[in-house]
């Protein structure tokens, strides 16, 4: 089939990129099944991580199923500059009309590779880079993170709450800042323990960090993790603490642990870029922002255990953000909680 990469070439590149594979799927059988458009995506992690990477992958599948485009992807590429560059170049050579780099860790690599392939459209989801053939599509996770901070402040009994993430990428830092500012907005007396452990997927590490926060009296922890979320869930369950999730709605997955979830469906960013590609065109030279006005992308999901009083406060605050009466800050400076030994 045209524009496919040979199996021999695939295996050679996979060996150099830690065994990641380029996967391709034919478009869904529909009236548009013969679409010539092809979209390929890079996931610097596992597409089954239950978090950010899986959300992006589901967005790619949605593009296939709703638009009838052909798709391909790479997963499992470590977020290191040279590996990202190599993977993006290989995807660009596949003949696809659009290459999507999922996650802000791809900002630098995508800008460099986009310049090398001027006839191909490039998109970074949760990114902040632009160019003549490059756009960023950003789901405003800071909006739901701000609401998560307010929920934590209004729900804590100890007056101490936590935040956990892994890699220091711009979207993660903005999410942490929004959460911290949401806490201060709701109750400036509440103390925040915040940690970037250096790894999104290490469950042993996340369990140690969460357990240490709980030992320091944090009774609610906001987790911005991928596959490493399980360790934090176990620690919260063992220590009697509650958790606020992110990316998807965790309140119906582990209802005994989660009181809320800062939904930020980054897959919608990928889907929106695909819709633009098929329609009026990818919005190059710009950063497309998707916020609370699209609840399938951004919202704070609440557990049934959340009181009516707190629920009404959250809903009112969300309306204030949507209408511009409350601004969500994305910068914050403060002390950090160290990784336990």
C-alpha atoms as a PDB file:
ATOM      1  CA  UNK A   1       0.000   0.000   0.000  1.00  0.00           C
ATOM      2  CA  UNK A   2       1.386   3.492  -0.832  1.00  0.00           C
ATOM      3  CA  UNK A   3       3.035   5.512   1.937  1.00  0.00           C
ATOM      4  CA  UNK A   4       3.633   2.499   4.175  1.00  0.00           C
ATOM      5  CA  UNK A   5       7.026   1.938   5.787  1.00  0.00           C
ATOM      6  CA  UNK A   6       8.714  -1.348   4.963  1.00  0.00           C
ATOM      7  CA  UNK A   7       8.794  -3.966   7.695  1.00  0.00           C
ATOM      8  CA  UNK A   8      12.606  -4.185   7.493  1.00  0.00           C
ATOM      9  CA  UNK A   9      12.969  -0.441   7.944  1.00  0.00           C
ATOM     10  CA  UNK A  10      10.459  -0.470  10.789  1.00  0.00           C
ATOM     11  CA  UNK A  11      12.303  -3.146  12.710  1.00  0.00           C
ATOM     12  CA  UNK A  12      15.590  -1.351  12.267  1.00  0.00           C
ATOM     13  CA  UNK A  13      14.231   1.889  13.644  1.00  0.00           C
ATOM     14  CA  UNK A  14      12.387   0.084  16.435  1.00  0.00           C
ATOM     15  CA  UNK A  15      15.647  -1.430  17.610  1.00  0.00           C
ATOM     16  CA  UNK A  16      17.121   2.044  17.930  1.00  0.00           C
ATOM     17  CA  UNK A  17      14.088   3.426  19.762  1.00  0.00           C
ATOM     18  CA  UNK A  18      13.671   0.904  22.517  1.00  0.00           C
ATOM     19  CA  UNK A  19      11.372  -1.454  20.642  1.00  0.00           C
ATOM     20  CA  UNK A  20       8.599   1.013  19.800  1.00  0.00           C
ATOM     21  CA  UNK A  21       6.636   0.144  16.684  1.00  0.00           C
ATOM     22  CA  UNK A  22       4.799   2.152  14.054  1.00  0.00           C
ATOM     23  CA  UNK A  23       1.224   0.930  13.950  1.00  0.00           C
ATOM     24  CA  UNK A  24      -1.224   1.653  11.180  1.00  0.00           C
ATOM     25  CA  UNK A  25      -4.911   1.047  10.793  1.00  0.00           C
ATOM     26  CA  UNK A  26      -7.187   1.290   7.807  1.00  0.00           C
ATOM     27  CA  UNK A  27      -9.941   3.880   8.057  1.00  0.00           C
ATOM     28  CA  UNK A  28     -13.353   2.888   9.344  1.00  0.00           C
ATOM     29  CA  UNK A  29     -15.715   1.416   6.781  1.00  0.00           C
ATOM     30  CA  UNK A  30     -18.032   4.297   5.948  1.00  0.00           C
ATOM     31  CA  UNK A  31     -19.006   6.540   3.093  1.00  0.00           C
ATOM     32  CA  UNK A  32     -15.664   8.299   3.630  1.00  0.00           C
ATOM     33  CA  UNK A  33     -13.640   5.101   3.892  1.00  0.00           C
ATOM     34  CA  UNK A  34     -11.693   6.006   0.761  1.00  0.00           C
ATOM     35  CA  UNK A  35     -10.390   9.260   2.257  1.00  0.00           C
ATOM     36  CA  UNK A  36      -6.869   9.992   1.138  1.00  0.00           C
ATOM     37  CA  UNK A  37      -6.058  11.900   4.296  1.00  0.00           C
ATOM     38  CA  UNK A  38      -3.644  10.227   6.666  1.00  0.00           C
ATOM     39  CA  UNK A  39      -2.764  11.356  10.182  1.00  0.00           C
ATOM     40  CA  UNK A  40       0.100   9.896  12.195  1.00  0.00           C
ATOM     41  CA  UNK A  41       0.921  10.533  15.833  1.00  0.00           C
ATOM     42  CA  UNK A  42       3.813  10.180  18.236  1.00  0.00           C
ATOM     43  CA  UNK A  43       3.154   9.076  21.826  1.00  0.00           C
ATOM     44  CA  UNK A  44       6.211   9.363  24.072  1.00  0.00           C
ATOM     45  CA  UNK A  45       4.843   6.738  26.434  1.00  0.00           C
ATOM     46  CA  UNK A  46       2.345   3.896  26.543  1.00  0.00           C
ATOM     47  CA  UNK A  47      -1.045   4.259  24.854  1.00  0.00           C
ATOM     48  CA  UNK A  48      -2.475   2.061  27.615  1.00  0.00           C
ATOM     49  CA  UNK A  49      -1.214   4.199  30.529  1.00  0.00           C
ATOM     50  CA  UNK A  50      -4.712   5.077  31.715  1.00  0.00           C
ATOM     51  CA  UNK A  51      -3.769   8.737  31.460  1.00  0.00           C
ATOM     52  CA  UNK A  52      -2.407  11.361  29.097  1.00  0.00           C
ATOM     53  CA  UNK A  53      -1.018   9.091  26.356  1.00  0.00           C
ATOM     54  CA  UNK A  54      -4.097   6.900  26.270  1.00  0.00           C
ATOM     55  CA  UNK A  55      -6.287   9.996  26.042  1.00  0.00           C
ATOM     56  CA  UNK A  56      -4.374  11.153  22.977  1.00  0.00           C
ATOM     57  CA  UNK A  57      -4.556   7.700  21.410  1.00  0.00           C
ATOM     58  CA  UNK A  58      -8.325   7.640  21.892  1.00  0.00           C
ATOM     59  CA  UNK A  59      -8.486  10.990  20.138  1.00  0.00           C
ATOM     60  CA  UNK A  60      -6.611   9.498  17.199  1.00  0.00           C
ATOM     61  CA  UNK A  61      -9.054   6.587  17.072  1.00  0.00           C
ATOM     62  CA  UNK A  62     -11.942   9.046  17.191  1.00  0.00           C
ATOM     63  CA  UNK A  63     -10.482  10.848  14.177  1.00  0.00           C
ATOM     64  CA  UNK A  64     -10.394   7.552  12.315  1.00  0.00           C
ATOM     65  CA  UNK A  65     -13.905   6.544  13.312  1.00  0.00           C
ATOM     66  CA  UNK A  66     -15.658   9.893  12.831  1.00  0.00           C
ATOM     67  CA  UNK A  67     -13.727  11.336   9.895  1.00  0.00           C
ATOM     68  CA  UNK A  68     -12.706   8.175   8.044  1.00  0.00           C
ATOM     69  CA  UNK A  69      -9.032   9.134   7.870  1.00  0.00           C
ATOM     70  CA  UNK A  70      -6.214   6.635   7.775  1.00  0.00           C
ATOM     71  CA  UNK A  71      -4.026   6.677  10.878  1.00  0.00           C
ATOM     72  CA  UNK A  72      -0.671   5.514  12.146  1.00  0.00           C
ATOM     73  CA  UNK A  73       1.283   6.013  15.347  1.00  0.00           C
ATOM     74  CA  UNK A  74       4.413   5.321  17.336  1.00  0.00           C
ATOM     75  CA  UNK A  75       4.364   4.651  21.040  1.00  0.00           C
ATOM     76  CA  UNK A  76       6.928   3.835  23.706  1.00  0.00           C
ATOM     77  CA  UNK A  77       9.485   6.374  22.510  1.00  0.00           C
ATOM     78  CA  UNK A  78      11.374   7.775  25.471  1.00  0.00           C
ATOM     79  CA  UNK A  79      10.977  11.566  25.851  1.00  0.00           C
ATOM     80  CA  UNK A  80      14.581  12.303  24.899  1.00  0.00           C
ATOM     81  CA  UNK A  81      15.474  14.879  22.262  1.00  0.00           C
ATOM     82  CA  UNK A  82      17.265  12.669  19.723  1.00  0.00           C
ATOM     83  CA  UNK A  83      14.714   9.868  19.984  1.00  0.00           C
ATOM     84  CA  UNK A  84      11.810  12.272  19.513  1.00  0.00           C
ATOM     85  CA  UNK A  85      13.540  13.829  16.507  1.00  0.00           C
ATOM     86  CA  UNK A  86      14.136  10.426  14.904  1.00  0.00           C
ATOM     87  CA  UNK A  87      10.563   9.260  15.478  1.00  0.00           C
ATOM     88  CA  UNK A  88       9.025  12.467  14.130  1.00  0.00           C
ATOM     89  CA  UNK A  89      11.208  12.341  11.023  1.00  0.00           C
ATOM     90  CA  UNK A  90      10.181   8.769  10.326  1.00  0.00           C
ATOM     91  CA  UNK A  91       6.517   9.654  10.760  1.00  0.00           C
ATOM     92  CA  UNK A  92       6.912  12.658   8.461  1.00  0.00           C
ATOM     93  CA  UNK A  93       8.396  10.394   5.766  1.00  0.00           C
ATOM     94  CA  UNK A  94       5.326   8.115   5.896  1.00  0.00           C
ATOM     95  CA  UNK A  95       3.429  10.336   3.467  1.00  0.00           C
ATOM     96  CA  UNK A  96       0.854  11.531   6.005  1.00  0.00           C
ATOM     97  CA  UNK A  97      -0.744  14.929   5.554  1.00  0.00           C
ATOM     98  CA  UNK A  98      -0.419  15.658   9.275  1.00  0.00           C
ATOM     99  CA  UNK A  99       1.972  14.588  12.035  1.00  0.00           C
ATOM    100  CA  UNK A 100       0.769  15.018  15.618  1.00  0.00           C
ATOM    101  CA  UNK A 101       3.261  15.068  18.482  1.00  0.00           C
ATOM    102  CA  UNK A 102       1.254  14.376  21.617  1.00  0.00           C
ATOM    103  CA  UNK A 103       2.487  16.385  24.572  1.00  0.00           C
ATOM    104  CA  UNK A 104       4.496  19.503  25.299  1.00  0.00           C
ATOM    105  CA  UNK A 105       7.689  17.460  25.696  1.00  0.00           C
ATOM    106  CA  UNK A 106       7.718  17.455  21.876  1.00  0.00           C
ATOM    107  CA  UNK A 107       7.854  21.249  21.471  1.00  0.00           C
ATOM    108  CA  UNK A 108      11.498  21.542  20.470  1.00  0.00           C
ATOM    109  CA  UNK A 109      11.624  18.399  18.333  1.00  0.00           C
ATOM    110  CA  UNK A 110       8.422  19.246  16.468  1.00  0.00           C
ATOM    111  CA  UNK A 111       9.598  22.758  15.624  1.00  0.00           C
ATOM    112  CA  UNK A 112      12.871  21.433  14.218  1.00  0.00           C
ATOM    113  CA  UNK A 113      11.305  18.604  12.187  1.00  0.00           C
ATOM    114  CA  UNK A 114       8.451  20.777  10.892  1.00  0.00           C
ATOM    115  CA  UNK A 115      11.047  23.064   9.320  1.00  0.00           C
ATOM    116  CA  UNK A 116      12.546  20.054   7.518  1.00  0.00           C
ATOM    117  CA  UNK A 117       9.186  18.979   6.008  1.00  0.00           C
ATOM    118  CA  UNK A 118       7.482  22.225   4.868  1.00  0.00           C
ATOM    119  CA  UNK A 119       4.773  20.393   2.880  1.00  0.00           C
ATOM    120  CA  UNK A 120       3.528  18.448   5.920  1.00  0.00           C
ATOM    121  CA  UNK A 121       1.329  19.887   8.652  1.00  0.00           C
ATOM    122  CA  UNK A 122       2.582  19.407  12.227  1.00  0.00           C
ATOM    123  CA  UNK A 123       0.598  19.733  15.441  1.00  0.00           C
ATOM    124  CA  UNK A 124       1.779  19.592  19.052  1.00  0.00           C
ATOM    125  CA  UNK A 125      -0.994  18.858  21.517  1.00  0.00           C
ATOM    126  CA  UNK A 126      -0.581  20.676  24.841  1.00  0.00           C
ATOM    127  CA  UNK A 127       2.240  22.563  23.153  1.00  0.00           C
ATOM    128  CA  UNK A 128       3.172  26.205  22.700  1.00  0.00           C
ATOM    129  CA  UNK A 129       5.090  26.231  19.404  1.00  0.00           C
ATOM    130  CA  UNK A 130       3.954  27.592  16.048  1.00  0.00           C
ATOM    131  CA  UNK A 131       5.248  27.971  12.501  1.00  0.00           C
ATOM    132  CA  UNK A 132       4.197  28.230   8.873  1.00  0.00           C
ATOM    133  CA  UNK A 133       3.250  24.534   8.894  1.00  0.00           C
ATOM    134  CA  UNK A 134       3.065  24.074  12.676  1.00  0.00           C
ATOM    135  CA  UNK A 135       0.285  24.625  15.212  1.00  0.00           C
ATOM    136  CA  UNK A 136      -0.324  23.804  18.849  1.00  0.00           C
ATOM    137  CA  UNK A 137      -3.720  22.612  20.070  1.00  0.00           C
ATOM    138  CA  UNK A 138      -4.107  22.954  23.809  1.00  0.00           C
ATOM    139  CA  UNK A 139      -6.795  21.616  26.090  1.00  0.00           C
ATOM    140  CA  UNK A 140      -6.797  24.037  29.019  1.00  0.00           C
ATOM    141  CA  UNK A 141      -6.171  21.552  31.799  1.00  0.00           C
ATOM    142  CA  UNK A 142      -5.374  24.516  34.040  1.00  0.00           C
ATOM    143  CA  UNK A 143      -9.096  25.380  34.119  1.00  0.00           C
ATOM    144  CA  UNK A 144     -10.079  22.035  35.621  1.00  0.00           C
ATOM    145  CA  UNK A 145      -6.930  22.008  37.786  1.00  0.00           C
ATOM    146  CA  UNK A 146      -7.941  25.382  39.290  1.00  0.00           C
ATOM    147  CA  UNK A 147     -11.349  23.908  40.120  1.00  0.00           C
ATOM    148  CA  UNK A 148      -9.583  20.873  41.616  1.00  0.00           C
ATOM    149  CA  UNK A 149      -7.624  23.181  43.902  1.00  0.00           C
ATOM    150  CA  UNK A 150     -10.808  24.844  45.076  1.00  0.00           C
ATOM    151  CA  UNK A 151     -12.411  21.439  45.670  1.00  0.00           C
ATOM    152  CA  UNK A 152      -9.410  20.317  47.721  1.00  0.00           C
ATOM    153  CA  UNK A 153      -9.469  23.500  49.827  1.00  0.00           C
ATOM    154  CA  UNK A 154     -13.203  23.253  50.449  1.00  0.00           C
ATOM    155  CA  UNK A 155     -12.995  19.528  51.309  1.00  0.00           C
ATOM    156  CA  UNK A 156      -9.848  19.103  53.424  1.00  0.00           C
ATOM    157  CA  UNK A 157     -10.237  18.370  57.118  1.00  0.00           C
ATOM    158  CA  UNK A 158      -6.558  18.714  58.050  1.00  0.00           C
ATOM    159  CA  UNK A 159      -5.887  21.972  56.190  1.00  0.00           C
ATOM    160  CA  UNK A 160      -3.088  20.271  54.206  1.00  0.00           C
ATOM    161  CA  UNK A 161      -3.446  18.989  50.642  1.00  0.00           C
ATOM    162  CA  UNK A 162      -1.031  17.503  48.119  1.00  0.00           C
ATOM    163  CA  UNK A 163      -0.097  17.593  44.448  1.00  0.00           C
ATOM    164  CA  UNK A 164       1.911  14.926  42.610  1.00  0.00           C
ATOM    165  CA  UNK A 165       3.347  14.892  39.103  1.00  0.00           C
ATOM    166  CA  UNK A 166       6.362  13.443  37.342  1.00  0.00           C
ATOM    167  CA  UNK A 167       8.120  15.265  34.508  1.00  0.00           C
ATOM    168  CA  UNK A 168       8.522  19.050  34.576  1.00  0.00           C
ATOM    169  CA  UNK A 169       6.922  19.920  31.251  1.00  0.00           C
ATOM    170  CA  UNK A 170       5.093  23.191  30.624  1.00  0.00           C
ATOM    171  CA  UNK A 171       1.559  21.717  30.782  1.00  0.00           C
ATOM    172  CA  UNK A 172       2.359  19.992  34.083  1.00  0.00           C
ATOM    173  CA  UNK A 173       3.809  23.167  35.575  1.00  0.00           C
ATOM    174  CA  UNK A 174       0.796  25.170  34.437  1.00  0.00           C
ATOM    175  CA  UNK A 175      -1.531  22.545  35.917  1.00  0.00           C
ATOM    176  CA  UNK A 176       0.295  22.633  39.247  1.00  0.00           C
ATOM    177  CA  UNK A 177       0.199  26.437  39.270  1.00  0.00           C
ATOM    178  CA  UNK A 178      -3.514  26.483  38.558  1.00  0.00           C
ATOM    179  CA  UNK A 179      -4.183  23.940  41.324  1.00  0.00           C
ATOM    180  CA  UNK A 180      -2.128  25.971  43.805  1.00  0.00           C
ATOM    181  CA  UNK A 181      -3.922  29.170  42.840  1.00  0.00           C
ATOM    182  CA  UNK A 182      -7.295  27.421  43.045  1.00  0.00           C
ATOM    183  CA  UNK A 183      -6.487  26.426  46.630  1.00  0.00           C
ATOM    184  CA  UNK A 184      -5.525  29.995  47.495  1.00  0.00           C
ATOM    185  CA  UNK A 185      -8.666  31.348  45.813  1.00  0.00           C
ATOM    186  CA  UNK A 186     -10.921  29.081  47.888  1.00  0.00           C
ATOM    187  CA  UNK A 187      -9.045  29.204  51.201  1.00  0.00           C
ATOM    188  CA  UNK A 188      -5.610  30.840  51.473  1.00  0.00           C
ATOM    189  CA  UNK A 189      -5.029  29.187  54.860  1.00  0.00           C
ATOM    190  CA  UNK A 190      -4.785  25.700  53.313  1.00  0.00           C
ATOM    191  CA  UNK A 191      -1.202  24.396  52.972  1.00  0.00           C
ATOM    192  CA  UNK A 192       0.039  22.740  49.774  1.00  0.00           C
ATOM    193  CA  UNK A 193       2.614  19.936  49.504  1.00  0.00           C
ATOM    194  CA  UNK A 194       3.727  19.652  45.863  1.00  0.00           C
ATOM    195  CA  UNK A 195       6.093  17.194  44.210  1.00  0.00           C
ATOM    196  CA  UNK A 196       7.533  16.479  40.764  1.00  0.00           C
ATOM    197  CA  UNK A 197       9.087  13.046  41.230  1.00  0.00           C
ATOM    198  CA  UNK A 198      10.770  12.851  37.799  1.00  0.00           C
ATOM    199  CA  UNK A 199       8.693   9.905  36.574  1.00  0.00           C
ATOM    200  CA  UNK A 200       5.068   9.707  35.410  1.00  0.00           C
ATOM    201  CA  UNK A 201       4.905   5.910  35.395  1.00  0.00           C
ATOM    202  CA  UNK A 202       6.789   4.539  38.435  1.00  0.00           C
ATOM    203  CA  UNK A 203       4.220   3.085  40.840  1.00  0.00           C
ATOM    204  CA  UNK A 204       6.705   2.245  43.573  1.00  0.00           C
ATOM    205  CA  UNK A 205       7.929   5.838  43.563  1.00  0.00           C
ATOM    206  CA  UNK A 206       4.468   7.374  43.467  1.00  0.00           C
ATOM    207  CA  UNK A 207       3.362   5.190  46.372  1.00  0.00           C
ATOM    208  CA  UNK A 208       6.314   6.392  48.462  1.00  0.00           C
ATOM    209  CA  UNK A 209       5.650  10.040  47.644  1.00  0.00           C
ATOM    210  CA  UNK A 210       1.922   9.769  48.402  1.00  0.00           C
ATOM    211  CA  UNK A 211       2.564   7.870  51.635  1.00  0.00           C
ATOM    212  CA  UNK A 212       5.042  10.550  52.745  1.00  0.00           C
ATOM    213  CA  UNK A 213       2.515  13.304  52.009  1.00  0.00           C
ATOM    214  CA  UNK A 214      -0.162  11.456  53.964  1.00  0.00           C
ATOM    215  CA  UNK A 215       2.264  11.061  56.862  1.00  0.00           C
ATOM    216  CA  UNK A 216       2.693  14.859  56.703  1.00  0.00           C
ATOM    217  CA  UNK A 217      -1.095  15.186  57.209  1.00  0.00           C
ATOM    218  CA  UNK A 218      -2.204  15.712  53.609  1.00  0.00           C
ATOM    219  CA  UNK A 219      -5.695  14.224  53.372  1.00  0.00           C
ATOM    220  CA  UNK A 220      -6.398  15.053  49.701  1.00  0.00           C
ATOM    221  CA  UNK A 221      -3.865  14.631  46.869  1.00  0.00           C
ATOM    222  CA  UNK A 222      -4.219  15.831  43.285  1.00  0.00           C
ATOM    223  CA  UNK A 223      -2.378  13.372  41.027  1.00  0.00           C
ATOM    224  CA  UNK A 224      -1.170  14.419  37.570  1.00  0.00           C
ATOM    225  CA  UNK A 225       0.359  11.050  36.690  1.00  0.00           C
ATOM    226  CA  UNK A 226       0.103   8.471  33.938  1.00  0.00           C
ATOM    227  CA  UNK A 227       0.733   4.772  34.599  1.00  0.00           C
ATOM    228  CA  UNK A 228       2.186   5.699  38.002  1.00  0.00           C
ATOM    229  CA  UNK A 229      -1.208   6.671  39.402  1.00  0.00           C
ATOM    230  CA  UNK A 230      -1.828   3.170  40.779  1.00  0.00           C
ATOM    231  CA  UNK A 231       0.845   3.546  43.446  1.00  0.00           C
ATOM    232  CA  UNK A 232      -0.730   6.783  44.682  1.00  0.00           C
ATOM    233  CA  UNK A 233      -4.157   5.127  44.762  1.00  0.00           C
ATOM    234  CA  UNK A 234      -2.782   2.313  46.914  1.00  0.00           C
ATOM    235  CA  UNK A 235      -1.142   4.784  49.299  1.00  0.00           C
ATOM    236  CA  UNK A 236      -4.349   6.810  49.629  1.00  0.00           C
ATOM    237  CA  UNK A 237      -6.359   3.690  50.295  1.00  0.00           C
ATOM    238  CA  UNK A 238      -3.852   2.479  52.894  1.00  0.00           C
ATOM    239  CA  UNK A 239      -3.615   5.891  54.572  1.00  0.00           C
ATOM    240  CA  UNK A 240      -7.277   6.878  54.476  1.00  0.00           C
ATOM    241  CA  UNK A 241      -6.672   9.861  52.194  1.00  0.00           C
ATOM    242  CA  UNK A 242      -8.717  10.984  49.219  1.00  0.00           C
ATOM    243  CA  UNK A 243      -7.527  11.788  45.738  1.00  0.00           C
ATOM    244  CA  UNK A 244      -8.438  14.070  42.853  1.00  0.00           C
ATOM    245  CA  UNK A 245      -7.520  12.611  39.484  1.00  0.00           C
ATOM    246  CA  UNK A 246      -6.856  14.191  36.125  1.00  0.00           C
ATOM    247  CA  UNK A 247      -7.176  13.560  32.384  1.00  0.00           C
ATOM    248  CA  UNK A 248     -10.319  11.394  32.658  1.00  0.00           C
ATOM    249  CA  UNK A 249     -13.083  10.838  35.195  1.00  0.00           C
ATOM    250  CA  UNK A 250     -11.594   8.679  37.951  1.00  0.00           C
ATOM    251  CA  UNK A 251     -14.572   9.006  40.290  1.00  0.00           C
ATOM    252  CA  UNK A 252     -16.309   6.073  38.619  1.00  0.00           C
ATOM    253  CA  UNK A 253     -13.127   3.980  38.380  1.00  0.00           C
ATOM    254  CA  UNK A 254     -12.007   4.022  42.026  1.00  0.00           C
ATOM    255  CA  UNK A 255     -15.012   5.603  43.789  1.00  0.00           C
ATOM    256  CA  UNK A 256     -13.736   4.858  47.289  1.00  0.00           C
ATOM    257  CA  UNK A 257     -10.613   6.988  46.693  1.00  0.00           C
ATOM    258  CA  UNK A 258     -11.510   9.802  44.285  1.00  0.00           C
ATOM    259  CA  UNK A 259     -13.675  12.751  45.308  1.00  0.00           C
ATOM    260  CA  UNK A 260     -13.177  14.454  41.975  1.00  0.00           C
ATOM    261  CA  UNK A 261     -11.267  14.439  38.728  1.00  0.00           C
ATOM    262  CA  UNK A 262      -9.914  17.365  36.732  1.00  0.00           C
ATOM    263  CA  UNK A 263     -10.947  16.092  33.327  1.00  0.00           C
ATOM    264  CA  UNK A 264      -8.666  17.388  30.596  1.00  0.00           C
ATOM    265  CA  UNK A 265      -9.242  15.156  27.605  1.00  0.00           C
ATOM    266  CA  UNK A 266      -6.198  15.918  25.493  1.00  0.00           C
ATOM    267  CA  UNK A 267      -7.541  13.555  22.858  1.00  0.00           C
ATOM    268  CA  UNK A 268     -10.026  16.289  21.960  1.00  0.00           C
ATOM    269  CA  UNK A 269      -7.072  18.475  20.933  1.00  0.00           C
ATOM    270  CA  UNK A 270      -5.930  15.792  18.505  1.00  0.00           C
ATOM    271  CA  UNK A 271      -9.481  15.275  17.226  1.00  0.00           C
ATOM    272  CA  UNK A 272     -10.003  19.019  16.781  1.00  0.00           C
ATOM    273  CA  UNK A 273      -6.796  19.261  14.728  1.00  0.00           C
ATOM    274  CA  UNK A 274      -8.009  16.374  12.554  1.00  0.00           C
ATOM    275  CA  UNK A 275     -11.367  18.096  12.073  1.00  0.00           C
ATOM    276  CA  UNK A 276      -9.576  21.266  11.016  1.00  0.00           C
ATOM    277  CA  UNK A 277      -7.342  19.330   8.614  1.00  0.00           C
ATOM    278  CA  UNK A 278     -10.383  17.880   6.876  1.00  0.00           C
ATOM    279  CA  UNK A 279     -12.255  21.170   7.004  1.00  0.00           C
ATOM    280  CA  UNK A 280     -10.897  24.697   6.679  1.00  0.00           C
ATOM    281  CA  UNK A 281      -7.352  23.639   7.459  1.00  0.00           C
ATOM    282  CA  UNK A 282      -5.025  23.277  10.432  1.00  0.00           C
ATOM    283  CA  UNK A 283      -4.642  26.623  12.198  1.00  0.00           C
ATOM    284  CA  UNK A 284      -0.904  26.978  11.665  1.00  0.00           C
ATOM    285  CA  UNK A 285       1.012  29.863  13.227  1.00  0.00           C
ATOM    286  CA  UNK A 286      -1.345  29.758  16.199  1.00  0.00           C
ATOM    287  CA  UNK A 287      -2.133  28.050  19.496  1.00  0.00           C
ATOM    288  CA  UNK A 288      -5.723  26.782  19.537  1.00  0.00           C
ATOM    289  CA  UNK A 289      -7.138  26.758  23.079  1.00  0.00           C
ATOM    290  CA  UNK A 290      -9.992  24.475  24.200  1.00  0.00           C
ATOM    291  CA  UNK A 291     -11.511  25.183  27.619  1.00  0.00           C
ATOM    292  CA  UNK A 292     -14.530  24.787  29.882  1.00  0.00           C
ATOM    293  CA  UNK A 293     -16.877  25.817  27.089  1.00  0.00           C
ATOM    294  CA  UNK A 294     -16.307  22.320  25.681  1.00  0.00           C
ATOM    295  CA  UNK A 295     -17.140  20.017  28.633  1.00  0.00           C
ATOM    296  CA  UNK A 296     -16.226  16.874  26.721  1.00  0.00           C
ATOM    297  CA  UNK A 297     -12.681  18.267  26.871  1.00  0.00           C
ATOM    298  CA  UNK A 298     -12.453  20.190  30.156  1.00  0.00           C
ATOM    299  CA  UNK A 299     -14.516  19.924  33.349  1.00  0.00           C
ATOM    300  CA  UNK A 300     -14.260  18.948  37.017  1.00  0.00           C
ATOM    301  CA  UNK A 301     -16.054  15.657  37.634  1.00  0.00           C
ATOM    302  CA  UNK A 302     -17.369  15.275  41.185  1.00  0.00           C
ATOM    303  CA  UNK A 303     -18.013  12.194  43.279  1.00  0.00           C
ATOM    304  CA  UNK A 304     -21.524  11.704  44.699  1.00  0.00           C
ATOM    305  CA  UNK A 305     -19.856  12.019  48.109  1.00  0.00           C
ATOM    306  CA  UNK A 306     -19.191  15.738  47.535  1.00  0.00           C
ATOM    307  CA  UNK A 307     -21.679  17.827  49.515  1.00  0.00           C
ATOM    308  CA  UNK A 308     -24.324  19.947  47.799  1.00  0.00           C
ATOM    309  CA  UNK A 309     -22.778  23.072  49.286  1.00  0.00           C
ATOM    310  CA  UNK A 310     -19.328  22.351  47.809  1.00  0.00           C
ATOM    311  CA  UNK A 311     -20.863  21.226  44.522  1.00  0.00           C
ATOM    312  CA  UNK A 312     -22.690  24.563  44.168  1.00  0.00           C
ATOM    313  CA  UNK A 313     -19.480  26.465  44.926  1.00  0.00           C
ATOM    314  CA  UNK A 314     -17.602  24.515  42.245  1.00  0.00           C
ATOM    315  CA  UNK A 315     -20.339  25.093  39.679  1.00  0.00           C
ATOM    316  CA  UNK A 316     -20.401  28.824  40.426  1.00  0.00           C
ATOM    317  CA  UNK A 317     -16.625  29.068  40.138  1.00  0.00           C
ATOM    318  CA  UNK A 318     -16.668  27.183  36.814  1.00  0.00           C
ATOM    319  CA  UNK A 319     -19.225  29.676  35.481  1.00  0.00           C
ATOM    320  CA  UNK A 320     -17.052  32.571  36.629  1.00  0.00           C
ATOM    321  CA  UNK A 321     -14.053  31.114  34.750  1.00  0.00           C
ATOM    322  CA  UNK A 322     -16.076  30.520  31.574  1.00  0.00           C
ATOM    323  CA  UNK A 323     -17.475  34.067  31.666  1.00  0.00           C
ATOM    324  CA  UNK A 324     -14.111  35.675  32.352  1.00  0.00           C
ATOM    325  CA  UNK A 325     -14.923  36.922  35.850  1.00  0.00           C
ATOM    326  CA  UNK A 326     -12.163  34.757  37.345  1.00  0.00           C
ATOM    327  CA  UNK A 327      -8.755  34.471  35.697  1.00  0.00           C
ATOM    328  CA  UNK A 328      -6.798  31.235  36.081  1.00  0.00           C
ATOM    329  CA  UNK A 329      -3.124  32.017  36.833  1.00  0.00           C
ATOM    330  CA  UNK A 330      -0.595  29.616  35.324  1.00  0.00           C
ATOM    331  CA  UNK A 331       2.451  30.699  37.293  1.00  0.00           C
ATOM    332  CA  UNK A 332       3.326  29.796  40.871  1.00  0.00           C
ATOM    333  CA  UNK A 333       6.439  29.787  43.022  1.00  0.00           C
ATOM    334  CA  UNK A 334       6.686  27.997  46.318  1.00  0.00           C
ATOM    335  CA  UNK A 335       8.475  25.261  48.261  1.00  0.00           C
ATOM    336  CA  UNK A 336       8.377  21.707  46.967  1.00  0.00           C
ATOM    337  CA  UNK A 337       8.016  18.362  48.705  1.00  0.00           C
ATOM    338  CA  UNK A 338      11.100  16.215  48.147  1.00  0.00           C
ATOM    339  CA  UNK A 339      11.077  12.614  47.011  1.00  0.00           C
ATOM    340  CA  UNK A 340      11.336  10.341  50.047  1.00  0.00           C
ATOM    341  CA  UNK A 341      14.461   8.203  50.336  1.00  0.00           C
END
